[in-house]
């Protein structure tokens, strides 16, 4: 997830623990590291996946 080499389960546990302190942390982490790349990965064309997902999960420029 997000270039951290962590699976979905571990990322979810981390996100939930961060959200216990302040929900804004969990929401922010979800948008940057999971929601956008996952939507493209699961719903995009192969060309879109190749173009956008690597830079998004590596925190690089995706525009």
PDB file of N, CA and C in Angstrom:
ATOM      1  N   UNK A   1       0.825  -1.184   0.000  1.00  0.00           N
ATOM      2  CA  UNK A   1       0.000   0.000   0.000  1.00  0.00           C
ATOM      3  C   UNK A   1       0.865   1.242   0.000  1.00  0.00           C
ATOM      4  N   UNK A   2       0.662   2.081  -0.979  1.00  0.00           N
ATOM      5  CA  UNK A   2       1.316   3.375  -0.977  1.00  0.00           C
ATOM      6  C   UNK A   2       2.828   3.319  -1.016  1.00  0.00           C
ATOM      7  N   UNK A   3       3.399   2.275  -1.607  1.00  0.00           N
ATOM      8  CA  UNK A   3       4.840   2.157  -1.688  1.00  0.00           C
ATOM      9  C   UNK A   3       5.495   1.663  -0.409  1.00  0.00           C
ATOM     10  N   UNK A   4       4.707   1.282   0.577  1.00  0.00           N
ATOM     11  CA  UNK A   4       5.258   0.853   1.862  1.00  0.00           C
ATOM     12  C   UNK A   4       5.510  -0.646   1.923  1.00  0.00           C
ATOM     13  N   UNK A   5       5.128  -1.365   0.883  1.00  0.00           N
ATOM     14  CA  UNK A   5       5.284  -2.816   0.823  1.00  0.00           C
ATOM     15  C   UNK A   5       4.503  -3.509   1.945  1.00  0.00           C
ATOM     16  N   UNK A   6       3.372  -2.921   2.307  1.00  0.00           N
ATOM     17  CA  UNK A   6       2.493  -3.471   3.335  1.00  0.00           C
ATOM     18  C   UNK A   6       1.208  -3.928   2.648  1.00  0.00           C
ATOM     19  N   UNK A   7       0.669  -5.050   3.066  1.00  0.00           N
ATOM     20  CA  UNK A   7      -0.567  -5.545   2.483  1.00  0.00           C
ATOM     21  C   UNK A   7      -1.794  -4.788   2.977  1.00  0.00           C
ATOM     22  N   UNK A   8      -2.938  -5.133   2.402  1.00  0.00           N
ATOM     23  CA  UNK A   8      -4.187  -4.457   2.757  1.00  0.00           C
ATOM     24  C   UNK A   8      -4.552  -4.645   4.226  1.00  0.00           C
ATOM     25  N   UNK A   9      -4.357  -5.838   4.769  1.00  0.00           N
ATOM     26  CA  UNK A   9      -4.729  -6.080   6.165  1.00  0.00           C
ATOM     27  C   UNK A   9      -3.891  -5.220   7.110  1.00  0.00           C
ATOM     28  N   UNK A  10      -2.586  -5.236   6.933  1.00  0.00           N
ATOM     29  CA  UNK A  10      -1.717  -4.432   7.799  1.00  0.00           C
ATOM     30  C   UNK A  10      -2.017  -2.946   7.640  1.00  0.00           C
ATOM     31  N   UNK A  11      -2.243  -2.503   6.410  1.00  0.00           N
ATOM     32  CA  UNK A  11      -2.555  -1.090   6.175  1.00  0.00           C
ATOM     33  C   UNK A  11      -3.857  -0.703   6.861  1.00  0.00           C
ATOM     34  N   UNK A  12      -4.822  -1.599   6.856  1.00  0.00           N
ATOM     35  CA  UNK A  12      -6.102  -1.327   7.510  1.00  0.00           C
ATOM     36  C   UNK A  12      -5.937  -1.222   9.020  1.00  0.00           C
ATOM     37  N   UNK A  13      -5.165  -2.126   9.599  1.00  0.00           N
ATOM     38  CA  UNK A  13      -4.926  -2.079  11.045  1.00  0.00           C
ATOM     39  C   UNK A  13      -4.219  -0.778  11.424  1.00  0.00           C
ATOM     40  N   UNK A  14      -3.214  -0.393  10.652  1.00  0.00           N
ATOM     41  CA  UNK A  14      -2.497   0.860  10.918  1.00  0.00           C
ATOM     42  C   UNK A  14      -3.451   2.044  10.823  1.00  0.00           C
ATOM     43  N   UNK A  15      -4.269   2.039   9.785  1.00  0.00           N
ATOM     44  CA  UNK A  15      -5.220   3.137   9.584  1.00  0.00           C
ATOM     45  C   UNK A  15      -6.220   3.218  10.730  1.00  0.00           C
ATOM     46  N   UNK A  16      -6.719   2.090  11.177  1.00  0.00           N
ATOM     47  CA  UNK A  16      -7.667   2.090  12.291  1.00  0.00           C
ATOM     48  C   UNK A  16      -7.015   2.598  13.575  1.00  0.00           C
ATOM     49  N   UNK A  17      -5.787   2.191  13.828  1.00  0.00           N
ATOM     50  CA  UNK A  17      -5.096   2.657  15.030  1.00  0.00           C
ATOM     51  C   UNK A  17      -4.843   4.162  14.975  1.00  0.00           C
ATOM     52  N   UNK A  18      -4.469   4.663  13.810  1.00  0.00           N
ATOM     53  CA  UNK A  18      -4.269   6.105  13.667  1.00  0.00           C
ATOM     54  C   UNK A  18      -5.588   6.847  13.848  1.00  0.00           C
ATOM     55  N   UNK A  19      -6.673   6.268  13.359  1.00  0.00           N
ATOM     56  CA  UNK A  19      -7.986   6.876  13.493  1.00  0.00           C
ATOM     57  C   UNK A  19      -8.484   6.927  14.924  1.00  0.00           C
ATOM     58  N   UNK A  20      -7.969   6.049  15.770  1.00  0.00           N
ATOM     59  CA  UNK A  20      -8.354   6.093  17.185  1.00  0.00           C
ATOM     60  C   UNK A  20      -7.859   7.367  17.850  1.00  0.00           C
ATOM     61  N   UNK A  21      -6.713   7.862  17.399  1.00  0.00           N
ATOM     62  CA  UNK A  21      -6.174   9.108  17.940  1.00  0.00           C
ATOM     63  C   UNK A  21      -6.945  10.304  17.399  1.00  0.00           C
ATOM     64  N   UNK A  22      -7.128  10.326  16.085  1.00  0.00           N
ATOM     65  CA  UNK A  22      -7.844  11.432  15.442  1.00  0.00           C
ATOM     66  C   UNK A  22      -8.311  10.940  14.077  1.00  0.00           C
ATOM     67  N   UNK A  23      -9.592  11.012  13.817  1.00  0.00           N
ATOM     68  CA  UNK A  23     -10.158  10.471  12.588  1.00  0.00           C
ATOM     69  C   UNK A  23      -9.556  11.120  11.344  1.00  0.00           C
ATOM     70  N   UNK A  24      -9.054  12.322  11.461  1.00  0.00           N
ATOM     71  CA  UNK A  24      -8.453  12.983  10.299  1.00  0.00           C
ATOM     72  C   UNK A  24      -7.218  12.245   9.803  1.00  0.00           C
ATOM     73  N   UNK A  25      -6.484  11.609  10.708  1.00  0.00           N
ATOM     74  CA  UNK A  25      -5.320  10.844  10.282  1.00  0.00           C
ATOM     75  C   UNK A  25      -5.733   9.670   9.404  1.00  0.00           C
ATOM     76  N   UNK A  26      -6.755   8.960   9.811  1.00  0.00           N
ATOM     77  CA  UNK A  26      -7.222   7.813   9.038  1.00  0.00           C
ATOM     78  C   UNK A  26      -7.774   8.247   7.692  1.00  0.00           C
ATOM     79  N   UNK A  27      -8.535   9.321   7.675  1.00  0.00           N
ATOM     80  CA  UNK A  27      -9.120   9.794   6.420  1.00  0.00           C
ATOM     81  C   UNK A  27      -8.040  10.246   5.455  1.00  0.00           C
ATOM     82  N   UNK A  28      -7.032  10.929   5.952  1.00  0.00           N
ATOM     83  CA  UNK A  28      -5.941  11.414   5.107  1.00  0.00           C
ATOM     84  C   UNK A  28      -5.169  10.239   4.530  1.00  0.00           C
ATOM     85  N   UNK A  29      -4.838   9.280   5.328  1.00  0.00           N
ATOM     86  CA  UNK A  29      -4.093   8.099   4.886  1.00  0.00           C
ATOM     87  C   UNK A  29      -4.881   7.334   3.845  1.00  0.00           C
ATOM     88  N   UNK A  30      -6.164   7.237   4.034  1.00  0.00           N
ATOM     89  CA  UNK A  30      -7.005   6.509   3.096  1.00  0.00           C
ATOM     90  C   UNK A  30      -6.995   7.155   1.720  1.00  0.00           C
ATOM     91  N   UNK A  31      -7.079   8.461   1.653  1.00  0.00           N
ATOM     92  CA  UNK A  31      -7.118   9.150   0.362  1.00  0.00           C
ATOM     93  C   UNK A  31      -5.795   9.047  -0.374  1.00  0.00           C
ATOM     94  N   UNK A  32      -4.699   9.236   0.322  1.00  0.00           N
ATOM     95  CA  UNK A  32      -3.404   9.266  -0.344  1.00  0.00           C
ATOM     96  C   UNK A  32      -2.945   7.878  -0.752  1.00  0.00           C
ATOM     97  N   UNK A  33      -3.066   6.907   0.130  1.00  0.00           N
ATOM     98  CA  UNK A  33      -2.440   5.625  -0.105  1.00  0.00           C
ATOM     99  C   UNK A  33      -3.321   4.521  -0.601  1.00  0.00           C
ATOM    100  N   UNK A  34      -4.600   4.705  -0.571  1.00  0.00           N
ATOM    101  CA  UNK A  34      -5.461   3.580  -0.879  1.00  0.00           C
ATOM    102  C   UNK A  34      -6.545   3.890  -1.883  1.00  0.00           C
ATOM    103  N   UNK A  35      -7.371   4.871  -1.612  1.00  0.00           N
ATOM    104  CA  UNK A  35      -8.566   5.080  -2.418  1.00  0.00           C
ATOM    105  C   UNK A  35      -8.269   5.328  -3.884  1.00  0.00           C
ATOM    106  N   UNK A  36      -7.485   6.316  -4.177  1.00  0.00           N
ATOM    107  CA  UNK A  36      -7.237   6.682  -5.568  1.00  0.00           C
ATOM    108  C   UNK A  36      -6.511   5.582  -6.343  1.00  0.00           C
ATOM    109  N   UNK A  37      -5.349   5.080  -5.877  1.00  0.00           N
ATOM    110  CA  UNK A  37      -4.686   4.027  -6.637  1.00  0.00           C
ATOM    111  C   UNK A  37      -5.535   2.764  -6.773  1.00  0.00           C
ATOM    112  N   UNK A  38      -6.257   2.409  -5.727  1.00  0.00           N
ATOM    113  CA  UNK A  38      -7.087   1.201  -5.792  1.00  0.00           C
ATOM    114  C   UNK A  38      -8.209   1.338  -6.806  1.00  0.00           C
ATOM    115  N   UNK A  39      -8.838   2.506  -6.858  1.00  0.00           N
ATOM    116  CA  UNK A  39      -9.912   2.727  -7.833  1.00  0.00           C
ATOM    117  C   UNK A  39      -9.393   2.583  -9.255  1.00  0.00           C
ATOM    118  N   UNK A  40      -8.238   3.155  -9.514  1.00  0.00           N
ATOM    119  CA  UNK A  40      -7.666   3.044 -10.862  1.00  0.00           C
ATOM    120  C   UNK A  40      -7.255   1.604 -11.134  1.00  0.00           C
ATOM    121  N   UNK A  41      -6.630   0.959 -10.163  1.00  0.00           N
ATOM    122  CA  UNK A  41      -6.157  -0.411 -10.347  1.00  0.00           C
ATOM    123  C   UNK A  41      -7.304  -1.372 -10.644  1.00  0.00           C
ATOM    124  N   UNK A  42      -8.383  -1.258  -9.891  1.00  0.00           N
ATOM    125  CA  UNK A  42      -9.495  -2.188 -10.058  1.00  0.00           C
ATOM    126  C   UNK A  42     -10.489  -1.771 -11.134  1.00  0.00           C
ATOM    127  N   UNK A  43     -10.587  -0.479 -11.452  1.00  0.00           N
ATOM    128  CA  UNK A  43     -11.593  -0.027 -12.405  1.00  0.00           C
ATOM    129  C   UNK A  43     -11.063   0.592 -13.676  1.00  0.00           C
ATOM    130  N   UNK A  44      -9.755   0.818 -13.722  1.00  0.00           N
ATOM    131  CA  UNK A  44      -9.185   1.475 -14.892  1.00  0.00           C
ATOM    132  C   UNK A  44      -8.807   0.496 -15.989  1.00  0.00           C
ATOM    133  N   UNK A  45      -8.495   1.057 -17.123  1.00  0.00           N
ATOM    134  CA  UNK A  45      -8.005   0.238 -18.234  1.00  0.00           C
ATOM    135  C   UNK A  45      -6.554  -0.149 -17.945  1.00  0.00           C
ATOM    136  N   UNK A  46      -6.034  -1.166 -18.613  1.00  0.00           N
ATOM    137  CA  UNK A  46      -4.621  -1.514 -18.413  1.00  0.00           C
ATOM    138  C   UNK A  46      -3.680  -0.334 -18.679  1.00  0.00           C
ATOM    139  N   UNK A  47      -4.031   0.483 -19.650  1.00  0.00           N
ATOM    140  CA  UNK A  47      -3.203   1.653 -19.963  1.00  0.00           C
ATOM    141  C   UNK A  47      -3.211   2.661 -18.812  1.00  0.00           C
ATOM    142  N   UNK A  48      -4.395   2.885 -18.217  1.00  0.00           N
ATOM    143  CA  UNK A  48      -4.491   3.812 -17.085  1.00  0.00           C
ATOM    144  C   UNK A  48      -3.715   3.289 -15.881  1.00  0.00           C
ATOM    145  N   UNK A  49      -3.813   1.999 -15.640  1.00  0.00           N
ATOM    146  CA  UNK A  49      -3.084   1.403 -14.518  1.00  0.00           C
ATOM    147  C   UNK A  49      -1.586   1.619 -14.703  1.00  0.00           C
ATOM    148  N   UNK A  50      -1.072   1.318 -15.896  1.00  0.00           N
ATOM    149  CA  UNK A  50       0.362   1.496 -16.167  1.00  0.00           C
ATOM    150  C   UNK A  50       0.786   2.950 -16.043  1.00  0.00           C
ATOM    151  N   UNK A  51      -0.082   3.853 -16.466  1.00  0.00           N
ATOM    152  CA  UNK A  51       0.273   5.270 -16.476  1.00  0.00           C
ATOM    153  C   UNK A  51       0.254   5.897 -15.083  1.00  0.00           C
ATOM    154  N   UNK A  52      -0.754   5.594 -14.276  1.00  0.00           N
ATOM    155  CA  UNK A  52      -0.968   6.328 -13.031  1.00  0.00           C
ATOM    156  C   UNK A  52      -0.572   5.597 -11.753  1.00  0.00           C
ATOM    157  N   UNK A  53      -0.849   4.321 -11.662  1.00  0.00           N
ATOM    158  CA  UNK A  53      -0.695   3.624 -10.385  1.00  0.00           C
ATOM    159  C   UNK A  53       0.749   3.602  -9.869  1.00  0.00           C
ATOM    160  N   UNK A  54       1.748   3.297 -10.688  1.00  0.00           N
ATOM    161  CA  UNK A  54       3.111   3.263 -10.128  1.00  0.00           C
ATOM    162  C   UNK A  54       3.536   4.573  -9.462  1.00  0.00           C
ATOM    163  N   UNK A  55       3.257   5.705 -10.095  1.00  0.00           N
ATOM    164  CA  UNK A  55       3.644   6.983  -9.490  1.00  0.00           C
ATOM    165  C   UNK A  55       2.808   7.309  -8.254  1.00  0.00           C
ATOM    166  N   UNK A  56       1.533   6.936  -8.267  1.00  0.00           N
ATOM    167  CA  UNK A  56       0.691   7.215  -7.102  1.00  0.00           C
ATOM    168  C   UNK A  56       1.151   6.441  -5.876  1.00  0.00           C
ATOM    169  N   UNK A  57       1.461   5.167  -6.042  1.00  0.00           N
ATOM    170  CA  UNK A  57       1.877   4.379  -4.883  1.00  0.00           C
ATOM    171  C   UNK A  57       3.307   4.693  -4.459  1.00  0.00           C
ATOM    172  N   UNK A  58       4.091   5.282  -5.344  1.00  0.00           N
ATOM    173  CA  UNK A  58       5.457   5.678  -4.994  1.00  0.00           C
ATOM    174  C   UNK A  58       5.518   7.127  -4.526  1.00  0.00           C
ATOM    175  N   UNK A  59       4.357   7.782  -4.445  1.00  0.00           N
ATOM    176  CA  UNK A  59       4.254   9.191  -4.047  1.00  0.00           C
ATOM    177  C   UNK A  59       4.978  10.104  -5.021  1.00  0.00           C
ATOM    178  N   UNK A  60       4.983   9.706  -6.278  1.00  0.00           N
ATOM    179  CA  UNK A  60       5.594  10.536  -7.312  1.00  0.00           C
ATOM    180  C   UNK A  60       4.545  11.379  -8.009  1.00  0.00           C
ATOM    181  N   UNK A  61       4.985  12.219  -8.955  1.00  0.00           N
ATOM    182  CA  UNK A  61       4.018  13.041  -9.703  1.00  0.00           C
ATOM    183  C   UNK A  61       3.213  12.176 -10.661  1.00  0.00           C
ATOM    184  N   UNK A  62       1.905  12.226 -10.558  1.00  0.00           N
ATOM    185  CA  UNK A  62       1.052  11.370 -11.379  1.00  0.00           C
ATOM    186  C   UNK A  62       0.294  12.149 -12.438  1.00  0.00           C
ATOM    187  N   UNK A  63       0.485  13.438 -12.515  1.00  0.00           N
ATOM    188  CA  UNK A  63      -0.260  14.256 -13.476  1.00  0.00           C
ATOM    189  C   UNK A  63       0.332  14.151 -14.859  1.00  0.00           C
TER     190      UNK A  63
END
